[in-house]
Amino acid sequence: MERHTVTVDPSLLDELEWRGLIAEATDREALRAALAEGVRFYVGFDPTAPSLHMGHLVQVLTARRLQLAGHTPYALVGGATGMIGDPKESGERSMNSLDVVREWTDRVRGQIEPFLDFDGPNGATMVNNYDWTENLSTIDFLRDVGKHFPVNRMLARDVVRSRLEDGISFTEFSYVLLQSMDFLELFRQHGVTVQFGGSDQWGNITGGVELIRRVTGDRTHAFTTPLLTRADGTKYGKTEGGALWLDPELMSPYAFHQFWLNVEDAKVGELLRVFTFLEREEIEALEERHAAEPFRREAQRVLADEVTTLVHGAQETEQAKQAAQALFGSGDISELTESTLAAALSETGVAEVPTGQPMPDIVELLVMSGLTQSKGEARRAVKDGGAYLNNHRVADEAYAPTQEDLLAGRWLVLRRGKKRFAGVRVG
């Protein structure tokens, strides 16, 4: 197959290792030699939800790093494997309909596309494994793929072994065959010789490497990125509201920015390496300044700005920053757009005042919003100078907001002290 002529960065593997992006690899020296020549690689995403999340972002950005280093990406969105889902340790996945999986496939493709360049000598290609499985017969699948998978090795997989006592369906048990077939198909049709994914995919990925060796006798390569965890060992990627979604409809850019802004001091350097394209010297300088003055949280602010800009764009990042400054009293809250204001306040909980109902006074609003537990506590907050309406201190406990106080025609922002705030929506 004709090979593209591109300039390849020979230091890529060293860069990936420095960034902590290599967990396992089939053979590091063989992988290094392949990357020195230029490869076609693939990474897969199953549409088992309507959006990608933080874990997927690691893979998307790693694909972008490989492409920038001169390699050719194949991004696979699994319309077929998404119908099944990779086995989970916690139990069987719910099956989604073909229509739902198709919708989610389109959404996931749209989230991946902005990160890759689809033009030029190493332009990316988007593929869907439903294209080569839709008309595949069961007999052909069992003869051409299934015969190459010893059952004892499939049973030895960690996720399968953990599910044996409670039970695992043949459908999920066979998932590794489908993903392995993807690598074989892309190797045959497109000359793809490298696959990578998250470390939880190591068994599926090496299954594809082994299938290619058994069927064709050729050698291919693979690596995984490590699972990201907090300092206490728990998984990253979850917030109080659920997964750290990339879709702004599921997680607002404001909430997304706040997540990165509040990461632990012990992990911020690691996350800067994984999720930003800052140069090594800049990251190491940030880490030094952070170690000397962690209270300034400069590293977190850079991390939050960089990642939010990558995912949502510079304008949304600026809106998120302005919203945080305004809500915490250091910016003009009246300049926020209604969508930004609504998104930010939704993270705190919102009290409702129906249209036509008399506006409650500040004491009642503090209780309704949950900022105080009782009217007596609310009165003390006002008396002590700790009650704010739209960032203005309220000194009169009988004050009831008017139409002129409403932001964007329907919102009030209450704050107690410096950091506790809540929203009130009228209508």
Protein backbone atom coordinates (compact mmCIF):
# COMPACT_ATOMS: atom_id res chain seq x y z
CA MET A 1 0.00 0.00 0.00
CA GLU A 2 1.28 3.46 -0.88
CA ARG A 3 2.78 5.29 2.09
CA HIS A 4 2.19 8.98 2.64
CA THR A 5 5.25 11.23 2.63
CA VAL A 6 5.21 13.18 5.86
CA THR A 7 7.70 14.59 8.33
CA VAL A 8 7.74 12.33 11.37
CA ASP A 9 8.82 13.47 14.84
CA PRO A 10 11.30 10.81 16.06
CA SER A 11 10.94 11.92 19.68
CA LEU A 12 7.20 11.15 19.89
CA LEU A 13 7.46 8.07 22.11
CA ASP A 14 9.74 9.90 24.54
CA GLU A 15 7.23 12.78 24.59
CA LEU A 16 4.32 10.41 25.28
CA GLU A 17 6.25 8.71 28.07
CA TRP A 18 7.17 12.05 29.65
CA ARG A 19 3.51 13.04 29.59
CA GLY A 20 2.59 9.77 31.30
CA LEU A 21 0.60 8.54 28.32
CA ILE A 22 2.08 5.04 28.00
CA ALA A 23 0.81 2.35 30.36
CA GLU A 24 1.38 -0.89 28.42
CA ALA A 25 2.88 -1.54 25.00
CA THR A 26 3.31 -4.70 22.97
CA ASP A 27 7.05 -4.04 22.47
CA ARG A 28 8.34 -0.55 23.17
CA GLU A 29 11.41 -0.79 20.98
CA ALA A 30 9.42 -2.21 18.06
CA LEU A 31 6.81 0.51 18.61
CA ARG A 32 9.56 3.14 18.69
CA ALA A 33 10.97 1.84 15.39
CA ALA A 34 7.52 1.87 13.76
CA LEU A 35 6.81 5.41 14.95
CA ALA A 36 10.16 6.55 13.58
CA GLU A 37 8.96 5.63 10.08
CA GLY A 38 5.39 6.90 10.24
CA VAL A 39 2.31 4.74 10.81
CA ARG A 40 -1.39 4.59 10.29
CA PHE A 41 -3.05 4.13 13.67
CA TYR A 42 -6.51 3.82 15.06
CA VAL A 43 -8.39 4.46 18.27
CA GLY A 44 -11.99 3.43 18.85
CA PHE A 45 -14.97 4.94 20.65
CA ASP A 46 -18.17 3.08 21.41
CA PRO A 47 -21.33 5.25 21.36
CA THR A 48 -22.78 3.81 24.57
CA ALA A 49 -23.78 7.32 25.71
CA PRO A 50 -24.78 10.53 23.90
CA SER A 51 -21.44 12.19 24.65
CA LEU A 52 -17.76 11.53 25.17
CA HIS A 53 -16.32 12.18 28.62
CA MET A 54 -12.99 12.93 30.30
CA GLY A 55 -11.59 9.43 29.74
CA HIS A 56 -12.34 9.63 26.02
CA LEU A 57 -10.69 13.05 25.87
CA VAL A 58 -7.37 11.42 26.79
CA GLN A 59 -7.66 9.24 23.68
CA VAL A 60 -8.81 12.06 21.40
CA LEU A 61 -5.91 14.29 22.45
CA THR A 62 -3.43 11.42 22.16
CA ALA A 63 -4.64 10.85 18.60
CA ARG A 64 -4.07 14.53 17.92
CA ARG A 65 -0.52 14.27 19.31
CA LEU A 66 0.23 11.35 16.99
CA GLN A 67 -1.16 13.21 13.99
CA LEU A 68 0.85 16.34 14.80
CA ALA A 69 3.93 14.10 14.97
CA GLY A 70 3.31 12.95 11.38
CA HIS A 71 1.16 9.83 11.76
CA THR A 72 -2.19 9.14 10.09
CA PRO A 73 -5.29 8.72 12.30
CA TYR A 74 -8.26 6.45 11.82
CA ALA A 75 -10.95 7.34 14.34
CA LEU A 76 -13.41 4.49 14.72
CA VAL A 77 -16.86 5.13 16.15
CA GLY A 78 -18.32 1.71 16.87
CA GLY A 79 -21.82 1.58 15.50
CA ALA A 80 -21.60 -2.21 15.84
CA THR A 81 -19.71 -2.60 19.12
CA GLY A 82 -21.82 0.23 20.53
CA MET A 83 -24.84 -2.05 20.14
CA ILE A 84 -23.25 -4.35 22.73
CA GLY A 85 -20.81 -2.39 24.86
CA ASP A 86 -17.58 -3.57 26.40
CA PRO A 87 -18.18 -5.75 29.49
CA LYS A 88 -18.26 -3.87 32.79
CA GLU A 89 -17.22 -5.35 36.12
CA SER A 90 -20.49 -4.18 37.69
CA GLY A 91 -22.88 -6.14 35.46
CA GLU A 92 -24.57 -6.31 32.08
CA ARG A 93 -25.00 -3.14 30.06
CA SER A 94 -28.43 -2.06 28.88
CA MET A 95 -28.96 -2.67 25.19
CA ASN A 96 -29.80 0.39 23.11
CA SER A 97 -31.80 0.36 19.91
CA LEU A 98 -30.17 0.75 16.51
CA ASP A 99 -31.75 4.19 16.11
CA VAL A 100 -30.36 5.38 19.43
CA VAL A 101 -26.88 4.03 18.65
CA ARG A 102 -26.96 5.72 15.24
CA GLU A 103 -27.89 9.05 16.82
CA TRP A 104 -25.15 8.71 19.42
CA THR A 105 -22.68 7.67 16.73
CA ASP A 106 -23.32 10.92 14.87
CA ARG A 107 -22.95 12.95 18.06
CA VAL A 108 -19.69 11.26 19.03
CA ARG A 109 -18.27 11.71 15.53
CA GLY A 110 -19.09 15.40 15.75
CA GLN A 111 -17.19 15.68 19.02
CA ILE A 112 -14.08 13.96 17.66
CA GLU A 113 -13.86 15.78 14.32
CA PRO A 114 -12.71 19.22 15.62
CA PHE A 115 -9.60 17.68 17.17
CA LEU A 116 -8.23 16.06 14.01
CA ASP A 117 -7.13 17.38 10.63
CA PHE A 118 -8.94 15.60 7.80
CA ASP A 119 -6.86 17.19 5.02
CA GLY A 120 -3.21 17.02 4.05
CA PRO A 121 -0.82 14.11 3.53
CA ASN A 122 -1.71 12.46 6.85
CA GLY A 123 -5.35 13.52 6.98
CA ALA A 124 -7.61 11.62 9.38
CA THR A 125 -10.30 9.15 8.34
CA MET A 126 -13.48 8.46 10.28
CA VAL A 127 -14.76 4.87 10.14
CA ASN A 128 -17.70 2.93 11.57
CA ASN A 129 -17.40 -0.80 12.27
CA TYR A 130 -21.08 -1.26 11.49
CA ASP A 131 -20.06 -0.95 7.83
CA TRP A 132 -18.19 -4.28 7.85
CA THR A 133 -20.37 -6.17 10.34
CA GLU A 134 -23.88 -5.31 9.09
CA ASN A 135 -23.89 -8.05 6.44
CA LEU A 136 -21.47 -10.47 8.13
CA SER A 137 -23.06 -13.86 8.67
CA THR A 138 -22.76 -15.70 11.98
CA ILE A 139 -21.11 -18.67 10.25
CA ASP A 140 -18.46 -16.50 8.60
CA PHE A 141 -17.82 -14.67 11.87
CA LEU A 142 -17.33 -17.90 13.80
CA ARG A 143 -15.15 -19.49 11.08
CA ASP A 144 -12.98 -16.46 10.25
CA VAL A 145 -12.67 -14.83 13.66
CA GLY A 146 -13.97 -17.07 16.43
CA LYS A 147 -11.71 -20.01 15.61
CA HIS A 148 -8.65 -17.92 16.49
CA PHE A 149 -9.73 -17.26 20.11
CA PRO A 150 -9.03 -19.97 22.70
CA VAL A 151 -11.82 -19.94 25.27
CA ASN A 152 -9.41 -20.48 28.17
CA ARG A 153 -7.65 -17.19 27.31
CA MET A 154 -10.97 -15.37 27.03
CA LEU A 155 -11.96 -16.70 30.46
CA ALA A 156 -8.68 -15.45 31.93
CA ARG A 157 -9.50 -11.81 31.14
CA ASP A 158 -9.92 -9.83 34.38
CA VAL A 159 -13.35 -8.42 33.58
CA VAL A 160 -14.67 -11.85 32.51
CA ARG A 161 -13.21 -13.62 35.55
CA SER A 162 -14.83 -11.05 37.86
CA ARG A 163 -18.22 -11.64 36.25
CA LEU A 164 -18.22 -15.45 36.16
CA GLU A 165 -19.84 -15.96 39.55
CA ASP A 166 -22.76 -13.60 38.90
CA GLY A 167 -22.88 -14.40 35.20
CA ILE A 168 -21.92 -12.78 31.92
CA SER A 169 -23.86 -13.09 28.68
CA PHE A 170 -22.35 -14.66 25.58
CA THR A 171 -22.94 -11.29 23.92
CA GLU A 172 -20.58 -9.38 26.22
CA PHE A 173 -18.22 -12.36 26.47
CA SER A 174 -17.77 -12.16 22.68
CA TYR A 175 -17.08 -8.41 22.58
CA VAL A 176 -13.32 -8.98 22.32
CA LEU A 177 -13.85 -10.82 19.02
CA LEU A 178 -15.65 -7.85 17.47
CA GLN A 179 -13.04 -5.31 18.54
CA SER A 180 -10.21 -7.58 17.43
CA MET A 181 -11.89 -7.95 14.05
CA ASP A 182 -11.87 -4.14 13.74
CA PHE A 183 -8.06 -4.07 13.92
CA LEU A 184 -7.84 -6.88 11.36
CA GLU A 185 -10.23 -5.07 9.01
CA LEU A 186 -8.38 -1.76 9.27
CA PHE A 187 -5.05 -3.54 8.80
CA ARG A 188 -6.27 -5.27 5.65
CA GLN A 189 -8.18 -2.39 4.10
CA HIS A 190 -6.12 0.63 5.19
CA GLY A 191 -2.71 -0.58 6.33
CA VAL A 192 -3.32 0.41 9.96
CA THR A 193 -0.54 -1.09 12.11
CA VAL A 194 -0.97 0.59 15.51
CA GLN A 195 -3.93 0.64 17.88
CA PHE A 196 -4.14 2.41 21.21
CA GLY A 197 -6.78 2.99 23.86
CA GLY A 198 -7.32 3.19 27.60
CA SER A 199 -5.64 0.66 29.87
CA ASP A 200 -8.99 -1.04 30.50
CA GLN A 201 -8.92 -1.99 26.80
CA TRP A 202 -5.58 -3.83 26.91
CA GLY A 203 -7.13 -7.28 26.57
CA ASN A 204 -9.28 -6.22 23.61
CA ILE A 205 -6.39 -4.42 21.94
CA THR A 206 -3.90 -7.28 22.25
CA GLY A 207 -6.66 -9.58 21.01
CA GLY A 208 -6.55 -7.65 17.73
CA VAL A 209 -2.75 -7.84 17.55
CA GLU A 210 -2.91 -11.60 18.08
CA LEU A 211 -5.73 -12.06 15.54
CA ILE A 212 -3.71 -10.28 12.84
CA ARG A 213 -0.68 -12.45 13.63
CA ARG A 214 -2.72 -15.66 13.45
CA VAL A 215 -4.58 -14.72 10.26
CA THR A 216 -1.85 -12.97 8.25
CA GLY A 217 1.42 -13.67 10.04
CA ASP A 218 2.12 -9.92 10.25
CA ARG A 219 3.28 -8.00 13.28
CA THR A 220 1.37 -4.97 14.53
CA HIS A 221 1.76 -2.72 17.55
CA ALA A 222 -0.34 -1.42 20.40
CA PHE A 223 -0.18 0.67 23.53
CA THR A 224 -2.54 1.95 26.19
CA THR A 225 -2.83 5.12 28.20
CA PRO A 226 -3.09 4.80 31.99
CA LEU A 227 -6.26 5.18 33.99
CA LEU A 228 -6.34 8.60 35.63
CA THR A 229 -7.05 8.63 39.34
CA ARG A 230 -7.25 11.17 42.12
CA ALA A 231 -4.60 11.27 44.83
CA ASP A 232 -6.68 8.84 46.93
CA GLY A 233 -6.82 6.32 44.06
CA THR A 234 -10.45 6.89 43.03
CA LYS A 235 -11.25 7.35 39.37
CA TYR A 236 -11.23 10.73 37.72
CA GLY A 237 -13.99 11.56 35.29
CA LYS A 238 -16.84 11.81 37.76
CA THR A 239 -18.32 14.90 39.40
CA GLU A 240 -21.18 15.27 41.85
CA GLY A 241 -23.49 15.59 38.86
CA GLY A 242 -22.14 12.51 37.08
CA ALA A 243 -19.57 12.05 34.31
CA LEU A 244 -17.37 14.89 33.11
CA TRP A 245 -19.17 15.15 29.77
CA LEU A 246 -17.76 17.04 26.78
CA ASP A 247 -21.23 17.92 25.45
CA PRO A 248 -22.19 21.41 26.72
CA GLU A 249 -25.82 20.30 26.92
CA LEU A 250 -24.87 17.67 29.50
CA MET A 251 -22.24 19.72 31.34
CA SER A 252 -21.99 23.47 30.95
CA PRO A 253 -18.65 25.05 29.97
CA TYR A 254 -18.82 26.88 33.32
CA ALA A 255 -19.07 23.62 35.28
CA PHE A 256 -16.42 22.06 33.05
CA HIS A 257 -14.04 24.96 33.73
CA GLN A 258 -14.76 24.80 37.46
CA PHE A 259 -13.88 21.09 37.55
CA TRP A 260 -10.38 21.70 36.23
CA LEU A 261 -9.98 24.81 38.36
CA ASN A 262 -10.53 22.72 41.50
CA VAL A 263 -8.28 19.71 40.83
CA GLU A 264 -5.93 18.65 43.61
CA ASP A 265 -2.52 20.23 43.98
CA ALA A 266 -0.92 16.78 43.89
CA LYS A 267 -2.43 15.97 40.47
CA VAL A 268 -2.33 19.25 38.57
CA GLY A 269 1.09 18.60 37.01
CA GLU A 270 -0.01 15.19 35.74
CA LEU A 271 -3.17 16.64 34.24
CA LEU A 272 -1.26 19.48 32.56
CA ARG A 273 0.90 16.86 30.83
CA VAL A 274 -2.03 14.73 29.70
CA PHE A 275 -4.61 17.33 28.72
CA THR A 276 -2.67 20.32 27.38
CA PHE A 277 -0.33 20.97 24.49
CA LEU A 278 1.92 23.27 26.50
CA GLU A 279 5.62 22.67 25.95
CA ARG A 280 7.61 20.69 28.49
CA GLU A 281 9.57 23.72 29.67
CA GLU A 282 6.38 25.68 30.30
CA ILE A 283 4.75 22.87 32.27
CA GLU A 284 7.84 22.28 34.39
CA ALA A 285 8.12 26.01 35.12
CA LEU A 286 4.45 26.05 36.14
CA GLU A 287 5.03 23.11 38.45
CA GLU A 288 7.97 24.88 40.09
CA ARG A 289 5.95 28.03 40.70
CA HIS A 290 3.03 25.96 41.95
CA ALA A 291 5.25 24.05 44.40
CA ALA A 292 6.57 27.34 45.76
CA GLU A 293 3.18 29.09 46.00
CA PRO A 294 0.35 26.56 45.71
CA PHE A 295 -2.15 28.99 47.24
CA ARG A 296 -2.03 31.06 44.03
CA ARG A 297 -3.42 28.06 42.07
CA GLU A 298 -1.75 29.32 38.91
CA ALA A 299 -1.31 25.79 37.57
CA GLN A 300 -5.02 25.03 38.02
CA ARG A 301 -6.02 28.26 36.31
CA VAL A 302 -3.80 27.50 33.32
CA LEU A 303 -5.10 23.92 33.19
CA ALA A 304 -8.75 25.02 33.33
CA ASP A 305 -8.27 27.66 30.62
CA GLU A 306 -6.32 25.36 28.30
CA VAL A 307 -8.66 22.36 28.49
CA THR A 308 -11.88 24.37 28.35
CA THR A 309 -10.58 26.22 25.29
CA LEU A 310 -9.66 22.93 23.59
CA VAL A 311 -13.14 21.48 24.19
CA HIS A 312 -15.45 24.49 24.11
CA GLY A 313 -13.48 27.32 22.50
CA ALA A 314 -11.93 30.56 23.71
CA GLN A 315 -15.23 32.47 23.89
CA GLU A 316 -16.91 29.96 26.20
CA THR A 317 -13.77 29.85 28.35
CA GLU A 318 -13.85 33.61 28.75
CA GLN A 319 -17.56 33.48 29.61
CA ALA A 320 -16.89 30.81 32.24
CA LYS A 321 -14.13 32.93 33.79
CA GLN A 322 -16.29 36.04 33.79
CA ALA A 323 -19.15 34.09 35.37
CA ALA A 324 -16.93 32.83 38.19
CA GLN A 325 -15.52 36.30 38.84
CA ALA A 326 -18.98 37.86 38.83
CA LEU A 327 -20.61 35.23 41.01
CA PHE A 328 -17.87 35.51 43.60
CA GLY A 329 -18.14 39.28 43.68
CA SER A 330 -15.19 40.50 41.63
CA GLY A 331 -16.89 41.15 38.29
CA ASP A 332 -19.95 42.79 36.76
CA ILE A 333 -22.69 40.23 37.04
CA SER A 334 -25.00 42.22 34.77
CA GLU A 335 -22.73 41.55 31.77
CA LEU A 336 -23.25 37.77 31.84
CA THR A 337 -25.41 36.25 29.13
CA GLU A 338 -28.53 34.47 30.28
CA SER A 339 -27.20 31.09 29.10
CA THR A 340 -23.96 31.51 31.08
CA LEU A 341 -25.83 32.75 34.13
CA ALA A 342 -28.32 29.88 33.98
CA ALA A 343 -25.54 27.30 33.53
CA ALA A 344 -23.51 28.65 36.44
CA LEU A 345 -26.46 28.87 38.80
CA SER A 346 -27.69 25.40 37.87
CA GLU A 347 -24.58 24.06 39.61
CA THR A 348 -25.78 25.54 42.92
CA GLY A 349 -29.47 24.74 42.82
CA VAL A 350 -32.14 27.24 41.84
CA ALA A 351 -35.18 28.43 43.80
CA GLU A 352 -38.31 29.22 41.80
CA VAL A 353 -40.67 32.17 42.14
CA PRO A 354 -43.75 31.81 39.89
CA THR A 355 -44.66 34.73 37.64
CA GLY A 356 -47.34 36.93 39.21
CA GLN A 357 -46.49 35.92 42.77
CA PRO A 358 -45.30 38.73 45.09
CA MET A 359 -41.55 38.77 45.35
CA PRO A 360 -40.34 37.36 48.67
CA ASP A 361 -38.10 39.51 50.82
CA ILE A 362 -34.37 38.84 51.22
CA VAL A 363 -34.91 36.76 54.35
CA GLU A 364 -37.37 34.42 52.65
CA LEU A 365 -35.14 34.19 49.56
CA LEU A 366 -32.12 33.17 51.65
CA VAL A 367 -34.14 30.35 53.17
CA MET A 368 -35.75 29.30 49.85
CA SER A 369 -32.35 29.10 48.18
CA GLY A 370 -30.84 26.98 50.96
CA LEU A 371 -28.22 29.56 51.89
CA THR A 372 -29.70 29.64 55.41
CA GLN A 373 -31.67 27.04 57.31
CA SER A 374 -34.09 29.40 59.02
CA LYS A 375 -35.41 32.95 58.92
CA GLY A 376 -33.55 33.70 62.13
CA GLU A 377 -30.26 32.63 60.54
CA ALA A 378 -31.11 34.71 57.46
CA ARG A 379 -31.78 37.80 59.57
CA ARG A 380 -28.45 37.36 61.34
CA ALA A 381 -26.70 37.08 57.96
CA VAL A 382 -28.25 40.38 56.88
CA LYS A 383 -27.46 42.07 60.19
CA ASP A 384 -23.82 40.87 60.04
CA GLY A 385 -23.36 42.20 56.51
CA GLY A 386 -23.06 38.77 54.91
CA ALA A 387 -26.12 38.81 52.61
CA TYR A 388 -25.79 39.92 48.99
CA LEU A 389 -28.22 40.36 46.12
CA ASN A 390 -26.59 40.54 42.68
CA ASN A 391 -23.27 41.24 44.45
CA HIS A 392 -24.68 44.20 46.41
CA ARG A 393 -24.83 43.93 50.18
CA VAL A 394 -28.39 44.00 51.54
CA ALA A 395 -28.72 45.84 54.87
CA ASP A 396 -32.53 45.81 55.17
CA GLU A 397 -34.02 42.43 56.08
CA ALA A 398 -37.39 43.55 54.70
CA TYR A 399 -36.02 44.36 51.25
CA ALA A 400 -37.89 42.60 48.44
CA PRO A 401 -36.32 42.63 44.95
CA THR A 402 -38.12 44.47 42.16
CA GLN A 403 -38.31 43.95 38.41
CA GLU A 404 -35.27 46.18 38.05
CA ASP A 405 -33.18 43.75 40.10
CA LEU A 406 -33.79 40.85 37.70
CA LEU A 407 -30.80 39.87 35.59
CA ALA A 408 -31.65 38.96 32.00
CA GLY A 409 -35.26 39.65 32.97
CA ARG A 410 -35.68 36.62 35.24
CA TRP A 411 -32.68 35.88 37.49
CA LEU A 412 -31.46 36.89 40.93
CA VAL A 413 -28.10 35.92 42.38
CA LEU A 414 -27.93 35.54 46.14
CA ARG A 415 -24.68 35.22 48.02
CA ARG A 416 -23.90 34.58 51.64
CA GLY A 417 -20.38 35.52 52.67
CA LYS A 418 -17.61 35.21 50.09
CA LYS A 419 -18.16 31.81 48.51
CA ARG A 420 -21.72 30.52 49.01
CA PHE A 421 -24.19 31.59 46.35
CA ALA A 422 -27.45 30.44 44.82
CA GLY A 423 -29.89 31.42 42.14
CA VAL A 424 -33.53 32.45 42.02
CA ARG A 425 -35.49 32.17 38.79
CA VAL A 426 -38.69 34.13 38.29
CA GLY A 427 -41.21 32.67 35.90
